[in-house]
């Protein structure tokens, strides 16, 4: 395993984990907003800001890791 492969895997693991957790938490609070009505302490803007930004950043990290891993595979096939 190369450093590039390890770094790509780490980016994918961390990005995927944060995306799942922040996305799940955002969906939970959106469910509260939908099913409890407008008299709750949460609104869509708060959920989108607090949950959406970490989700977007972690999704980008995951995609960068995936791109690094695929570029590593392309380099390996070109060398043979």
C-alpha atoms as a PDB file:
ATOM      1  CA  UNK A   1       0.000   0.000   0.000  1.00  0.00           C
ATOM      2  CA  UNK A   2       1.320   3.370  -0.958  1.00  0.00           C
ATOM      3  CA  UNK A   3       0.949   6.601   0.943  1.00  0.00           C
ATOM      4  CA  UNK A   4      -1.383   7.877  -1.769  1.00  0.00           C
ATOM      5  CA  UNK A   5      -3.596   4.811  -1.396  1.00  0.00           C
ATOM      6  CA  UNK A   6      -3.644   5.129   2.384  1.00  0.00           C
ATOM      7  CA  UNK A   7      -4.488   8.826   2.177  1.00  0.00           C
ATOM      8  CA  UNK A   8      -7.260   8.120  -0.341  1.00  0.00           C
ATOM      9  CA  UNK A   9      -8.728   5.444   1.911  1.00  0.00           C
ATOM     10  CA  UNK A  10      -8.523   7.692   4.962  1.00  0.00           C
ATOM     11  CA  UNK A  11     -10.275  10.538   3.126  1.00  0.00           C
ATOM     12  CA  UNK A  12     -13.006   8.170   1.977  1.00  0.00           C
ATOM     13  CA  UNK A  13     -13.487   6.669   5.442  1.00  0.00           C
ATOM     14  CA  UNK A  14     -13.549   9.972   7.310  1.00  0.00           C
ATOM     15  CA  UNK A  15     -15.650  11.735   4.671  1.00  0.00           C
ATOM     16  CA  UNK A  16     -18.127   8.875   4.464  1.00  0.00           C
ATOM     17  CA  UNK A  17     -18.488   8.582   8.226  1.00  0.00           C
ATOM     18  CA  UNK A  18     -19.045  12.296   8.748  1.00  0.00           C
ATOM     19  CA  UNK A  19     -21.473  12.438   5.791  1.00  0.00           C
ATOM     20  CA  UNK A  20     -23.552   9.568   7.164  1.00  0.00           C
ATOM     21  CA  UNK A  21     -23.634  10.952  10.697  1.00  0.00           C
ATOM     22  CA  UNK A  22     -24.349  14.575   9.796  1.00  0.00           C
ATOM     23  CA  UNK A  23     -26.844  13.580   7.119  1.00  0.00           C
ATOM     24  CA  UNK A  24     -28.634  11.242   9.511  1.00  0.00           C
ATOM     25  CA  UNK A  25     -28.791  13.888  12.197  1.00  0.00           C
ATOM     26  CA  UNK A  26     -30.141  16.410   9.698  1.00  0.00           C
ATOM     27  CA  UNK A  27     -32.802  13.956   8.546  1.00  0.00           C
ATOM     28  CA  UNK A  28     -33.772  13.317  12.161  1.00  0.00           C
ATOM     29  CA  UNK A  29     -34.301  17.010  12.844  1.00  0.00           C
ATOM     30  CA  UNK A  30     -36.110  17.507   9.538  1.00  0.00           C
ATOM     31  CA  UNK A  31     -38.425  14.670  10.585  1.00  0.00           C
ATOM     32  CA  UNK A  32     -39.100  16.481  13.835  1.00  0.00           C
ATOM     33  CA  UNK A  33     -39.855  19.641  11.858  1.00  0.00           C
ATOM     34  CA  UNK A  34     -42.213  17.838   9.472  1.00  0.00           C
ATOM     35  CA  UNK A  35     -44.095  15.721  12.008  1.00  0.00           C
ATOM     36  CA  UNK A  36     -44.230  18.112  14.955  1.00  0.00           C
ATOM     37  CA  UNK A  37     -45.188  21.204  13.001  1.00  0.00           C
ATOM     38  CA  UNK A  38     -43.994  24.748  13.254  1.00  0.00           C
ATOM     39  CA  UNK A  39     -44.172  25.056  17.042  1.00  0.00           C
ATOM     40  CA  UNK A  40     -40.816  23.334  17.592  1.00  0.00           C
ATOM     41  CA  UNK A  41     -37.438  24.933  18.178  1.00  0.00           C
ATOM     42  CA  UNK A  42     -35.982  23.891  14.809  1.00  0.00           C
ATOM     43  CA  UNK A  43     -36.505  25.322  11.339  1.00  0.00           C
ATOM     44  CA  UNK A  44     -35.263  24.381   7.889  1.00  0.00           C
ATOM     45  CA  UNK A  45     -32.616  27.103   7.722  1.00  0.00           C
ATOM     46  CA  UNK A  46     -31.018  25.955  10.954  1.00  0.00           C
ATOM     47  CA  UNK A  47     -30.956  22.333   9.832  1.00  0.00           C
ATOM     48  CA  UNK A  48     -29.569  23.250   6.414  1.00  0.00           C
ATOM     49  CA  UNK A  49     -26.848  25.443   7.911  1.00  0.00           C
ATOM     50  CA  UNK A  50     -25.755  23.268  10.831  1.00  0.00           C
ATOM     51  CA  UNK A  51     -26.162  19.926   9.075  1.00  0.00           C
ATOM     52  CA  UNK A  52     -25.723  20.836   5.446  1.00  0.00           C
ATOM     53  CA  UNK A  53     -22.288  22.414   5.621  1.00  0.00           C
ATOM     54  CA  UNK A  54     -20.572  19.442   7.331  1.00  0.00           C
ATOM     55  CA  UNK A  55     -22.382  17.070   4.976  1.00  0.00           C
ATOM     56  CA  UNK A  56     -21.215  18.983   1.899  1.00  0.00           C
ATOM     57  CA  UNK A  57     -17.599  19.230   3.109  1.00  0.00           C
ATOM     58  CA  UNK A  58     -17.449  15.550   4.016  1.00  0.00           C
ATOM     59  CA  UNK A  59     -19.020  14.537   0.702  1.00  0.00           C
ATOM     60  CA  UNK A  60     -16.307  16.524  -1.089  1.00  0.00           C
ATOM     61  CA  UNK A  61     -13.634  14.781   1.023  1.00  0.00           C
ATOM     62  CA  UNK A  62     -15.122  11.410   0.086  1.00  0.00           C
ATOM     63  CA  UNK A  63     -15.142  12.302  -3.606  1.00  0.00           C
ATOM     64  CA  UNK A  64     -11.534  13.544  -3.460  1.00  0.00           C
ATOM     65  CA  UNK A  65     -10.487  10.261  -1.850  1.00  0.00           C
ATOM     66  CA  UNK A  66     -12.342   8.309  -4.497  1.00  0.00           C
ATOM     67  CA  UNK A  67     -10.687  10.348  -7.233  1.00  0.00           C
ATOM     68  CA  UNK A  68      -7.251   9.727  -5.708  1.00  0.00           C
ATOM     69  CA  UNK A  69      -7.931   6.010  -5.511  1.00  0.00           C
ATOM     70  CA  UNK A  70      -9.128   5.822  -9.123  1.00  0.00           C
ATOM     71  CA  UNK A  71      -6.149   7.847 -10.360  1.00  0.00           C
ATOM     72  CA  UNK A  72      -3.882   5.418  -8.499  1.00  0.00           C
ATOM     73  CA  UNK A  73      -5.520   2.504 -10.318  1.00  0.00           C
ATOM     74  CA  UNK A  74      -5.149   4.276 -13.662  1.00  0.00           C
ATOM     75  CA  UNK A  75      -1.424   4.786 -12.991  1.00  0.00           C
ATOM     76  CA  UNK A  76      -1.036   1.074 -12.156  1.00  0.00           C
ATOM     77  CA  UNK A  77      -2.700  -0.031 -15.400  1.00  0.00           C
ATOM     78  CA  UNK A  78      -0.576   2.361 -17.466  1.00  0.00           C
ATOM     79  CA  UNK A  79       2.655   1.048 -15.895  1.00  0.00           C
ATOM     80  CA  UNK A  80       1.957  -2.567 -16.871  1.00  0.00           C
END
